């Protein structure tokens, strides 16, 4: 069984037992989370497609911890002017452990 959920504008395929990366969430590690924006739920015998979301479906998860992505270097240069600028950025993420997919609550 798997589901496609929407978090912070991104769509993600999840399976119970997986650990997925989502945008940073304002919660402490070990906190129970429910994703109610479920776009699709598929099991062995049937598939439910939402319009836009599947009614009475949710994905239960637990926040594992917050992490930072690898640093991205931004380098800007203007030709013939002697202007150079270097910046860096590290995106914050949360690791979430998927516990269960519930349909028809």
PDB file of N, CA and C in Angstrom:
ATOM      1  N   UNK A   1       0.848  -1.172   0.000  1.00  0.00           N
ATOM      2  CA  UNK A   1       0.000   0.000   0.000  1.00  0.00           C
ATOM      3  C   UNK A   1       0.892   1.233   0.000  1.00  0.00           C
ATOM      4  N   UNK A   2       0.526   2.226  -0.813  1.00  0.00           N
ATOM      5  CA  UNK A   2       1.252   3.484  -0.824  1.00  0.00           C
ATOM      6  C   UNK A   2       0.274   4.632  -1.009  1.00  0.00           C
ATOM      7  N   UNK A   3       0.764   5.840  -0.746  1.00  0.00           N
ATOM      8  CA  UNK A   3      -0.059   7.038  -0.893  1.00  0.00           C
ATOM      9  C   UNK A   3       0.815   8.156  -1.444  1.00  0.00           C
ATOM     10  N   UNK A   4       0.170   9.121  -2.070  1.00  0.00           N
ATOM     11  CA  UNK A   4       0.842  10.340  -2.504  1.00  0.00           C
ATOM     12  C   UNK A   4       0.248  11.474  -1.694  1.00  0.00           C
ATOM     13  N   UNK A   5       1.108  12.164  -0.948  1.00  0.00           N
ATOM     14  CA  UNK A   5       0.657  13.245  -0.079  1.00  0.00           C
ATOM     15  C   UNK A   5       1.222  14.569  -0.578  1.00  0.00           C
ATOM     16  N   UNK A   6       0.603  15.654  -0.118  1.00  0.00           N
ATOM     17  CA  UNK A   6       1.075  16.996  -0.440  1.00  0.00           C
ATOM     18  C   UNK A   6       1.504  17.678   0.850  1.00  0.00           C
ATOM     19  N   UNK A   7       2.761  18.154   0.878  1.00  0.00           N
ATOM     20  CA  UNK A   7       3.271  18.885   2.033  1.00  0.00           C
ATOM     21  C   UNK A   7       3.982  20.135   1.546  1.00  0.00           C
ATOM     22  N   UNK A   8       3.544  21.285   2.026  1.00  0.00           N
ATOM     23  CA  UNK A   8       4.183  22.558   1.699  1.00  0.00           C
ATOM     24  C   UNK A   8       4.326  22.774   0.197  1.00  0.00           C
ATOM     25  N   UNK A   9       3.344  22.324  -0.594  1.00  0.00           N
ATOM     26  CA  UNK A   9       3.372  22.526  -2.029  1.00  0.00           C
ATOM     27  C   UNK A   9       4.110  21.456  -2.802  1.00  0.00           C
ATOM     28  N   UNK A  10       4.708  20.473  -2.136  1.00  0.00           N
ATOM     29  CA  UNK A  10       5.429  19.384  -2.784  1.00  0.00           C
ATOM     30  C   UNK A  10       4.639  18.092  -2.646  1.00  0.00           C
ATOM     31  N   UNK A  11       4.700  17.238  -3.669  1.00  0.00           N
ATOM     32  CA  UNK A  11       4.023  15.939  -3.626  1.00  0.00           C
ATOM     33  C   UNK A  11       5.065  14.862  -3.373  1.00  0.00           C
ATOM     34  N   UNK A  12       4.700  13.875  -2.538  1.00  0.00           N
ATOM     35  CA  UNK A  12       5.649  12.846  -2.141  1.00  0.00           C
ATOM     36  C   UNK A  12       4.942  11.498  -2.067  1.00  0.00           C
ATOM     37  N   UNK A  13       5.581  10.457  -2.635  1.00  0.00           N
ATOM     38  CA  UNK A  13       5.060   9.095  -2.532  1.00  0.00           C
ATOM     39  C   UNK A  13       5.586   8.484  -1.244  1.00  0.00           C
ATOM     40  N   UNK A  14       4.667   7.958  -0.414  1.00  0.00           N
ATOM     41  CA  UNK A  14       5.054   7.395   0.879  1.00  0.00           C
ATOM     42  C   UNK A  14       4.515   5.977   1.023  1.00  0.00           C
ATOM     43  N   UNK A  15       5.282   5.163   1.729  1.00  0.00           N
ATOM     44  CA  UNK A  15       4.936   3.772   2.039  1.00  0.00           C
ATOM     45  C   UNK A  15       5.147   3.604   3.538  1.00  0.00           C
ATOM     46  N   UNK A  16       4.275   2.878   4.242  1.00  0.00           N
ATOM     47  CA  UNK A  16       4.501   2.665   5.676  1.00  0.00           C
ATOM     48  C   UNK A  16       5.881   2.049   5.933  1.00  0.00           C
ATOM     49  N   UNK A  17       6.588   2.633   6.896  1.00  0.00           N
ATOM     50  CA  UNK A  17       7.929   2.173   7.225  1.00  0.00           C
ATOM     51  C   UNK A  17       9.034   3.011   6.599  1.00  0.00           C
ATOM     52  N   UNK A  18       8.707   3.863   5.639  1.00  0.00           N
ATOM     53  CA  UNK A  18       9.699   4.716   4.991  1.00  0.00           C
ATOM     54  C   UNK A  18      10.056   5.910   5.869  1.00  0.00           C
ATOM     55  N   UNK A  19      11.252   6.453   5.629  1.00  0.00           N
ATOM     56  CA  UNK A  19      11.654   7.717   6.226  1.00  0.00           C
ATOM     57  C   UNK A  19      11.839   8.681   5.064  1.00  0.00           C
ATOM     58  N   UNK A  20      11.063   9.769   5.049  1.00  0.00           N
ATOM     59  CA  UNK A  20      11.081  10.713   3.933  1.00  0.00           C
ATOM     60  C   UNK A  20      11.522  12.090   4.426  1.00  0.00           C
ATOM     61  N   UNK A  21      12.045  12.891   3.478  1.00  0.00           N
ATOM     62  CA  UNK A  21      12.457  14.267   3.749  1.00  0.00           C
ATOM     63  C   UNK A  21      11.360  15.211   3.320  1.00  0.00           C
ATOM     64  N   UNK A  22      10.911  16.068   4.233  1.00  0.00           N
ATOM     65  CA  UNK A  22       9.911  17.086   3.918  1.00  0.00           C
ATOM     66  C   UNK A  22      10.456  18.438   4.358  1.00  0.00           C
ATOM     67  N   UNK A  23       9.787  19.513   3.954  1.00  0.00           N
ATOM     68  CA  UNK A  23      10.202  20.842   4.383  1.00  0.00           C
ATOM     69  C   UNK A  23      10.147  20.930   5.903  1.00  0.00           C
ATOM     70  N   UNK A  24      10.983  21.793   6.476  1.00  0.00           N
ATOM     71  CA  UNK A  24      11.108  21.883   7.934  1.00  0.00           C
ATOM     72  C   UNK A  24       9.763  22.132   8.602  1.00  0.00           C
ATOM     73  N   UNK A  25       9.496  21.350   9.634  1.00  0.00           N
ATOM     74  CA  UNK A  25       8.255  21.460  10.400  1.00  0.00           C
ATOM     75  C   UNK A  25       8.586  21.996  11.787  1.00  0.00           C
ATOM     76  N   UNK A  26       7.704  22.805  12.314  1.00  0.00           N
ATOM     77  CA  UNK A  26       7.913  23.395  13.638  1.00  0.00           C
ATOM     78  C   UNK A  26       7.363  22.458  14.704  1.00  0.00           C
ATOM     79  N   UNK A  27       8.119  21.404  14.990  1.00  0.00           N
ATOM     80  CA  UNK A  27       7.730  20.447  16.019  1.00  0.00           C
ATOM     81  C   UNK A  27       8.996  19.802  16.571  1.00  0.00           C
ATOM     82  N   UNK A  28       8.887  19.221  17.740  1.00  0.00           N
ATOM     83  CA  UNK A  28      10.029  18.559  18.367  1.00  0.00           C
ATOM     84  C   UNK A  28      10.147  17.125  17.849  1.00  0.00           C
ATOM     85  N   UNK A  29      11.334  16.554  17.973  1.00  0.00           N
ATOM     86  CA  UNK A  29      11.550  15.173  17.553  1.00  0.00           C
ATOM     87  C   UNK A  29      10.676  14.210  18.341  1.00  0.00           C
ATOM     88  N   UNK A  30      10.116  13.215  17.660  1.00  0.00           N
ATOM     89  CA  UNK A  30       9.238  12.245  18.308  1.00  0.00           C
ATOM     90  C   UNK A  30       7.777  12.647  18.319  1.00  0.00           C
ATOM     91  N   UNK A  31       7.443  13.783  17.747  1.00  0.00           N
ATOM     92  CA  UNK A  31       6.065  14.265  17.715  1.00  0.00           C
ATOM     93  C   UNK A  31       5.267  13.519  16.644  1.00  0.00           C
ATOM     94  N   UNK A  32       4.031  13.145  16.971  1.00  0.00           N
ATOM     95  CA  UNK A  32       3.144  12.490  16.001  1.00  0.00           C
ATOM     96  C   UNK A  32       2.565  13.541  15.053  1.00  0.00           C
ATOM     97  N   UNK A  33       2.568  13.221  13.754  1.00  0.00           N
ATOM     98  CA  UNK A  33       2.096  14.139  12.719  1.00  0.00           C
ATOM     99  C   UNK A  33       1.088  13.399  11.857  1.00  0.00           C
ATOM    100  N   UNK A  34       0.057  14.095  11.397  1.00  0.00           N
ATOM    101  CA  UNK A  34      -0.874  13.515  10.426  1.00  0.00           C
ATOM    102  C   UNK A  34      -0.902  14.393   9.186  1.00  0.00           C
ATOM    103  N   UNK A  35      -0.803  13.765   8.036  1.00  0.00           N
ATOM    104  CA  UNK A  35      -0.931  14.455   6.755  1.00  0.00           C
ATOM    105  C   UNK A  35      -2.325  14.161   6.221  1.00  0.00           C
ATOM    106  N   UNK A  36      -3.151  15.182   6.087  1.00  0.00           N
ATOM    107  CA  UNK A  36      -4.526  14.989   5.643  1.00  0.00           C
ATOM    108  C   UNK A  36      -4.727  15.340   4.179  1.00  0.00           C
ATOM    109  N   UNK A  37      -3.734  15.934   3.546  1.00  0.00           N
ATOM    110  CA  UNK A  37      -3.815  16.240   2.117  1.00  0.00           C
ATOM    111  C   UNK A  37      -3.273  15.040   1.336  1.00  0.00           C
ATOM    112  N   UNK A  38      -4.125  14.030   1.179  1.00  0.00           N
ATOM    113  CA  UNK A  38      -3.754  12.795   0.487  1.00  0.00           C
ATOM    114  C   UNK A  38      -4.349  12.852  -0.922  1.00  0.00           C
ATOM    115  N   UNK A  39      -3.497  12.791  -1.931  1.00  0.00           N
ATOM    116  CA  UNK A  39      -3.941  12.894  -3.316  1.00  0.00           C
ATOM    117  C   UNK A  39      -4.346  11.553  -3.904  1.00  0.00           C
ATOM    118  N   UNK A  40      -3.681  10.472  -3.477  1.00  0.00           N
ATOM    119  CA  UNK A  40      -3.929   9.140  -4.038  1.00  0.00           C
ATOM    120  C   UNK A  40      -3.586   8.099  -2.994  1.00  0.00           C
ATOM    121  N   UNK A  41      -4.413   7.047  -2.920  1.00  0.00           N
ATOM    122  CA  UNK A  41      -4.129   5.897  -2.070  1.00  0.00           C
ATOM    123  C   UNK A  41      -4.283   4.655  -2.931  1.00  0.00           C
ATOM    124  N   UNK A  42      -3.268   3.800  -2.930  1.00  0.00           N
ATOM    125  CA  UNK A  42      -3.309   2.595  -3.746  1.00  0.00           C
ATOM    126  C   UNK A  42      -2.944   1.390  -2.898  1.00  0.00           C
ATOM    127  N   UNK A  43      -3.767   0.354  -2.979  1.00  0.00           N
ATOM    128  CA  UNK A  43      -3.462  -0.918  -2.337  1.00  0.00           C
ATOM    129  C   UNK A  43      -3.410  -1.973  -3.437  1.00  0.00           C
ATOM    130  N   UNK A  44      -3.328  -3.239  -3.047  1.00  0.00           N
ATOM    131  CA  UNK A  44      -3.196  -4.306  -4.039  1.00  0.00           C
ATOM    132  C   UNK A  44      -4.415  -4.434  -4.939  1.00  0.00           C
ATOM    133  N   UNK A  45      -5.614  -4.205  -4.403  1.00  0.00           N
ATOM    134  CA  UNK A  45      -6.819  -4.456  -5.182  1.00  0.00           C
ATOM    135  C   UNK A  45      -7.530  -3.199  -5.706  1.00  0.00           C
ATOM    136  N   UNK A  46      -7.276  -2.020  -5.115  1.00  0.00           N
ATOM    137  CA  UNK A  46      -7.963  -0.839  -5.623  1.00  0.00           C
ATOM    138  C   UNK A  46      -7.135   0.424  -5.420  1.00  0.00           C
ATOM    139  N   UNK A  47      -7.484   1.444  -6.191  1.00  0.00           N
ATOM    140  CA  UNK A  47      -6.811   2.743  -6.135  1.00  0.00           C
ATOM    141  C   UNK A  47      -7.859   3.830  -5.972  1.00  0.00           C
ATOM    142  N   UNK A  48      -7.647   4.710  -4.996  1.00  0.00           N
ATOM    143  CA  UNK A  48      -8.536   5.842  -4.761  1.00  0.00           C
ATOM    144  C   UNK A  48      -7.813   7.115  -5.195  1.00  0.00           C
ATOM    145  N   UNK A  49      -8.438   7.875  -6.089  1.00  0.00           N
ATOM    146  CA  UNK A  49      -7.863   9.123  -6.576  1.00  0.00           C
ATOM    147  C   UNK A  49      -8.740  10.262  -6.092  1.00  0.00           C
ATOM    148  N   UNK A  50      -8.118  11.263  -5.494  1.00  0.00           N
ATOM    149  CA  UNK A  50      -8.860  12.382  -4.935  1.00  0.00           C
ATOM    150  C   UNK A  50      -9.194  13.444  -5.962  1.00  0.00           C
ATOM    151  N   UNK A  51     -10.145  14.307  -5.584  1.00  0.00           N
ATOM    152  CA  UNK A  51     -10.545  15.399  -6.459  1.00  0.00           C
ATOM    153  C   UNK A  51     -10.690  16.668  -5.616  1.00  0.00           C
ATOM    154  N   UNK A  52      -9.704  17.377  -5.174  1.00  0.00           N
ATOM    155  CA  UNK A  52      -8.276  17.116  -5.336  1.00  0.00           C
ATOM    156  C   UNK A  52      -7.699  16.179  -4.279  1.00  0.00           C
ATOM    157  N   UNK A  53      -8.406  15.978  -3.146  1.00  0.00           N
ATOM    158  CA  UNK A  53      -7.899  15.111  -2.082  1.00  0.00           C
ATOM    159  C   UNK A  53      -8.859  13.956  -1.840  1.00  0.00           C
ATOM    160  N   UNK A  54      -8.331  12.840  -1.358  1.00  0.00           N
ATOM    161  CA  UNK A  54      -9.148  11.675  -1.017  1.00  0.00           C
ATOM    162  C   UNK A  54      -9.849  11.962   0.305  1.00  0.00           C
ATOM    163  N   UNK A  55     -11.170  11.783   0.321  1.00  0.00           N
ATOM    164  CA  UNK A  55     -11.945  12.048   1.525  1.00  0.00           C
ATOM    165  C   UNK A  55     -11.694  10.944   2.548  1.00  0.00           C
ATOM    166  N   UNK A  56     -11.655  11.347   3.819  1.00  0.00           N
ATOM    167  CA  UNK A  56     -11.479  10.430   4.947  1.00  0.00           C
ATOM    168  C   UNK A  56     -10.207   9.598   4.834  1.00  0.00           C
ATOM    169  N   UNK A  57      -9.145  10.186   4.318  1.00  0.00           N
ATOM    170  CA  UNK A  57      -7.857   9.500   4.246  1.00  0.00           C
ATOM    171  C   UNK A  57      -6.805  10.358   4.926  1.00  0.00           C
ATOM    172  N   UNK A  58      -5.884   9.705   5.636  1.00  0.00           N
ATOM    173  CA  UNK A  58      -4.787  10.413   6.274  1.00  0.00           C
ATOM    174  C   UNK A  58      -3.582   9.495   6.384  1.00  0.00           C
ATOM    175  N   UNK A  59      -2.429  10.112   6.492  1.00  0.00           N
ATOM    176  CA  UNK A  59      -1.178   9.376   6.674  1.00  0.00           C
ATOM    177  C   UNK A  59      -0.631   9.769   8.038  1.00  0.00           C
ATOM    178  N   UNK A  60      -0.416   8.772   8.890  1.00  0.00           N
ATOM    179  CA  UNK A  60       0.122   9.015  10.227  1.00  0.00           C
ATOM    180  C   UNK A  60       1.632   8.841  10.180  1.00  0.00           C
ATOM    181  N   UNK A  61       2.339   9.793  10.803  1.00  0.00           N
ATOM    182  CA  UNK A  61       3.798   9.783  10.770  1.00  0.00           C
ATOM    183  C   UNK A  61       4.349  10.296  12.094  1.00  0.00           C
ATOM    184  N   UNK A  62       5.670  10.186  12.223  1.00  0.00           N
ATOM    185  CA  UNK A  62       6.357  10.668  13.409  1.00  0.00           C
ATOM    186  C   UNK A  62       7.596  11.436  12.966  1.00  0.00           C
ATOM    187  N   UNK A  63       7.798  12.610  13.549  1.00  0.00           N
ATOM    188  CA  UNK A  63       8.962  13.430  13.220  1.00  0.00           C
ATOM    189  C   UNK A  63      10.194  12.821  13.870  1.00  0.00           C
ATOM    190  N   UNK A  64      11.206  12.519  13.055  1.00  0.00           N
ATOM    191  CA  UNK A  64      12.423  11.910  13.576  1.00  0.00           C
ATOM    192  C   UNK A  64      13.388  12.992  14.050  1.00  0.00           C
ATOM    193  N   UNK A  65      13.811  13.889  13.130  1.00  0.00           N
ATOM    194  CA  UNK A  65      14.697  14.984  13.503  1.00  0.00           C
ATOM    195  C   UNK A  65      14.774  15.995  12.366  1.00  0.00           C
ATOM    196  N   UNK A  66      15.381  17.129  12.651  1.00  0.00           N
ATOM    197  CA  UNK A  66      15.603  18.167  11.651  1.00  0.00           C
ATOM    198  C   UNK A  66      17.035  18.060  11.146  1.00  0.00           C
ATOM    199  N   UNK A  67      17.228  18.287   9.850  1.00  0.00           N
ATOM    200  CA  UNK A  67      18.554  18.218   9.247  1.00  0.00           C
ATOM    201  C   UNK A  67      18.754  19.411   8.320  1.00  0.00           C
ATOM    202  N   UNK A  68      20.008  19.604   7.879  1.00  0.00           N
ATOM    203  CA  UNK A  68      20.327  20.618   6.881  1.00  0.00           C
ATOM    204  C   UNK A  68      20.873  19.911   5.647  1.00  0.00           C
ATOM    205  N   UNK A  69      20.523  20.439   4.483  1.00  0.00           N
ATOM    206  CA  UNK A  69      20.994  19.890   3.216  1.00  0.00           C
ATOM    207  C   UNK A  69      22.440  20.329   2.994  1.00  0.00           C
ATOM    208  N   UNK A  70      23.076  19.790   1.950  1.00  0.00           N
ATOM    209  CA  UNK A  70      24.427  20.200   1.598  1.00  0.00           C
ATOM    210  C   UNK A  70      24.438  21.666   1.165  1.00  0.00           C
ATOM    211  N   UNK A  71      25.574  22.324   1.366  1.00  0.00           N
ATOM    212  CA  UNK A  71      25.680  23.740   1.033  1.00  0.00           C
ATOM    213  C   UNK A  71      25.702  23.932  -0.481  1.00  0.00           C
ATOM    214  N   UNK A  72      24.924  24.913  -0.938  1.00  0.00           N
ATOM    215  CA  UNK A  72      24.895  25.306  -2.338  1.00  0.00           C
ATOM    216  C   UNK A  72      25.654  26.629  -2.440  1.00  0.00           C
ATOM    217  N   UNK A  73      26.638  26.690  -3.331  1.00  0.00           N
ATOM    218  CA  UNK A  73      27.438  27.893  -3.509  1.00  0.00           C
ATOM    219  C   UNK A  73      26.845  28.735  -4.639  1.00  0.00           C
ATOM    220  N   UNK A  74      26.634  30.011  -4.366  1.00  0.00           N
ATOM    221  CA  UNK A  74      26.137  30.951  -5.362  1.00  0.00           C
ATOM    222  C   UNK A  74      27.275  31.925  -5.658  1.00  0.00           C
ATOM    223  N   UNK A  75      27.695  32.007  -6.912  1.00  0.00           N
ATOM    224  CA  UNK A  75      28.791  32.897  -7.307  1.00  0.00           C
ATOM    225  C   UNK A  75      28.296  33.835  -8.393  1.00  0.00           C
ATOM    226  N   UNK A  76      28.400  35.138  -8.136  1.00  0.00           N
ATOM    227  CA  UNK A  76      27.974  36.153  -9.098  1.00  0.00           C
ATOM    228  C   UNK A  76      29.189  36.980  -9.506  1.00  0.00           C
ATOM    229  N   UNK A  77      29.286  37.280 -10.802  1.00  0.00           N
ATOM    230  CA  UNK A  77      30.408  38.055 -11.319  1.00  0.00           C
ATOM    231  C   UNK A  77      29.921  38.952 -12.442  1.00  0.00           C
ATOM    232  N   UNK A  78      30.400  40.189 -12.453  1.00  0.00           N
ATOM    233  CA  UNK A  78      30.094  41.101 -13.551  1.00  0.00           C
ATOM    234  C   UNK A  78      31.357  41.277 -14.389  1.00  0.00           C
ATOM    235  N   UNK A  79      31.256  41.010 -15.688  1.00  0.00           N
ATOM    236  CA  UNK A  79      32.452  41.088 -16.524  1.00  0.00           C
ATOM    237  C   UNK A  79      32.997  42.516 -16.630  1.00  0.00           C
ATOM    238  N   UNK A  80      34.311  42.624 -16.645  1.00  0.00           N
ATOM    239  CA  UNK A  80      35.048  43.873 -16.841  1.00  0.00           C
ATOM    240  C   UNK A  80      34.809  44.906 -15.740  1.00  0.00           C
ATOM    241  N   UNK A  81      34.221  44.545 -14.652  1.00  0.00           N
ATOM    242  CA  UNK A  81      33.948  45.502 -13.573  1.00  0.00           C
ATOM    243  C   UNK A  81      34.725  45.179 -12.291  1.00  0.00           C
ATOM    244  N   UNK A  82      35.287  43.979 -12.211  1.00  0.00           N
ATOM    245  CA  UNK A  82      36.001  43.576 -11.001  1.00  0.00           C
ATOM    246  C   UNK A  82      35.079  43.262  -9.837  1.00  0.00           C
ATOM    247  N   UNK A  83      33.800  42.992 -10.113  1.00  0.00           N
ATOM    248  CA  UNK A  83      32.818  42.712  -9.063  1.00  0.00           C
ATOM    249  C   UNK A  83      32.599  41.208  -8.953  1.00  0.00           C
ATOM    250  N   UNK A  84      32.856  40.650  -7.777  1.00  0.00           N
ATOM    251  CA  UNK A  84      32.601  39.234  -7.518  1.00  0.00           C
ATOM    252  C   UNK A  84      31.897  39.113  -6.170  1.00  0.00           C
ATOM    253  N   UNK A  85      30.960  38.185  -6.093  1.00  0.00           N
ATOM    254  CA  UNK A  85      30.211  37.981  -4.855  1.00  0.00           C
ATOM    255  C   UNK A  85      29.957  36.484  -4.689  1.00  0.00           C
ATOM    256  N   UNK A  86      30.269  35.941  -3.523  1.00  0.00           N
ATOM    257  CA  UNK A  86      30.056  34.527  -3.245  1.00  0.00           C
ATOM    258  C   UNK A  86      29.130  34.395  -2.042  1.00  0.00           C
ATOM    259  N   UNK A  87      28.095  33.588  -2.189  1.00  0.00           N
ATOM    260  CA  UNK A  87      27.145  33.318  -1.113  1.00  0.00           C
ATOM    261  C   UNK A  87      26.974  31.815  -0.973  1.00  0.00           C
ATOM    262  N   UNK A  88      26.447  31.375   0.166  1.00  0.00           N
ATOM    263  CA  UNK A  88      26.134  29.975   0.379  1.00  0.00           C
ATOM    264  C   UNK A  88      24.758  29.838   1.009  1.00  0.00           C
ATOM    265  N   UNK A  89      24.132  28.674   0.807  1.00  0.00           N
ATOM    266  CA  UNK A  89      22.795  28.437   1.370  1.00  0.00           C
ATOM    267  C   UNK A  89      22.671  26.966   1.749  1.00  0.00           C
ATOM    268  N   UNK A  90      22.119  26.704   2.924  1.00  0.00           N
ATOM    269  CA  UNK A  90      21.820  25.339   3.364  1.00  0.00           C
ATOM    270  C   UNK A  90      20.336  25.268   3.706  1.00  0.00           C
ATOM    271  N   UNK A  91      19.585  24.452   2.969  1.00  0.00           N
ATOM    272  CA  UNK A  91      18.144  24.318   3.177  1.00  0.00           C
ATOM    273  C   UNK A  91      17.863  23.429   4.390  1.00  0.00           C
ATOM    274  N   UNK A  92      16.896  23.814   5.204  1.00  0.00           N
ATOM    275  CA  UNK A  92      16.494  23.026   6.374  1.00  0.00           C
ATOM    276  C   UNK A  92      15.400  22.037   5.972  1.00  0.00           C
ATOM    277  N   UNK A  93      15.503  20.791   6.454  1.00  0.00           N
ATOM    278  CA  UNK A  93      14.529  19.745   6.202  1.00  0.00           C
ATOM    279  C   UNK A  93      14.187  19.038   7.487  1.00  0.00           C
ATOM    280  N   UNK A  94      13.106  18.253   7.449  1.00  0.00           N
ATOM    281  CA  UNK A  94      12.740  17.373   8.557  1.00  0.00           C
ATOM    282  C   UNK A  94      12.664  15.956   8.040  1.00  0.00           C
ATOM    283  N   UNK A  95      13.164  15.014   8.829  1.00  0.00           N
ATOM    284  CA  UNK A  95      13.021  13.598   8.512  1.00  0.00           C
ATOM    285  C   UNK A  95      11.774  13.090   9.208  1.00  0.00           C
ATOM    286  N   UNK A  96      10.895  12.441   8.438  1.00  0.00           N
ATOM    287  CA  UNK A  96       9.616  11.966   8.954  1.00  0.00           C
ATOM    288  C   UNK A  96       9.508  10.468   8.685  1.00  0.00           C
ATOM    289  N   UNK A  97       9.159   9.706   9.720  1.00  0.00           N
ATOM    290  CA  UNK A  97       8.953   8.266   9.588  1.00  0.00           C
ATOM    291  C   UNK A  97       7.461   7.992   9.400  1.00  0.00           C
ATOM    292  N   UNK A  98       7.102   7.327   8.297  1.00  0.00           N
ATOM    293  CA  UNK A  98       5.701   7.037   7.991  1.00  0.00           C
ATOM    294  C   UNK A  98       5.269   5.805   8.778  1.00  0.00           C
ATOM    295  N   UNK A  99       4.216   5.946   9.554  1.00  0.00           N
ATOM    296  CA  UNK A  99       3.732   4.843  10.387  1.00  0.00           C
ATOM    297  C   UNK A  99       2.578   4.071   9.748  1.00  0.00           C
ATOM    298  N   UNK A 100       1.560   4.776   9.234  1.00  0.00           N
ATOM    299  CA  UNK A 100       0.365   4.091   8.755  1.00  0.00           C
ATOM    300  C   UNK A 100      -0.386   4.966   7.758  1.00  0.00           C
ATOM    301  N   UNK A 101      -1.099   4.309   6.833  1.00  0.00           N
ATOM    302  CA  UNK A 101      -1.991   4.982   5.892  1.00  0.00           C
ATOM    303  C   UNK A 101      -3.413   4.546   6.244  1.00  0.00           C
ATOM    304  N   UNK A 102      -4.269   5.515   6.603  1.00  0.00           N
ATOM    305  CA  UNK A 102      -5.612   5.204   7.072  1.00  0.00           C
ATOM    306  C   UNK A 102      -6.627   5.747   6.056  1.00  0.00           C
ATOM    307  N   UNK A 103      -7.570   4.891   5.635  1.00  0.00           N
ATOM    308  CA  UNK A 103      -8.619   5.295   4.690  1.00  0.00           C
ATOM    309  C   UNK A 103      -9.972   4.967   5.322  1.00  0.00           C
ATOM    310  N   UNK A 104     -10.926   5.895   5.212  1.00  0.00           N
ATOM    311  CA  UNK A 104     -12.282   5.638   5.702  1.00  0.00           C
ATOM    312  C   UNK A 104     -12.401   5.730   7.205  1.00  0.00           C
ATOM    313  N   UNK A 105     -11.881   6.791   7.785  1.00  0.00           N
ATOM    314  CA  UNK A 105     -11.943   6.976   9.237  1.00  0.00           C
ATOM    315  C   UNK A 105     -13.334   7.354   9.658  1.00  0.00           C
TER     316      UNK A 105
END
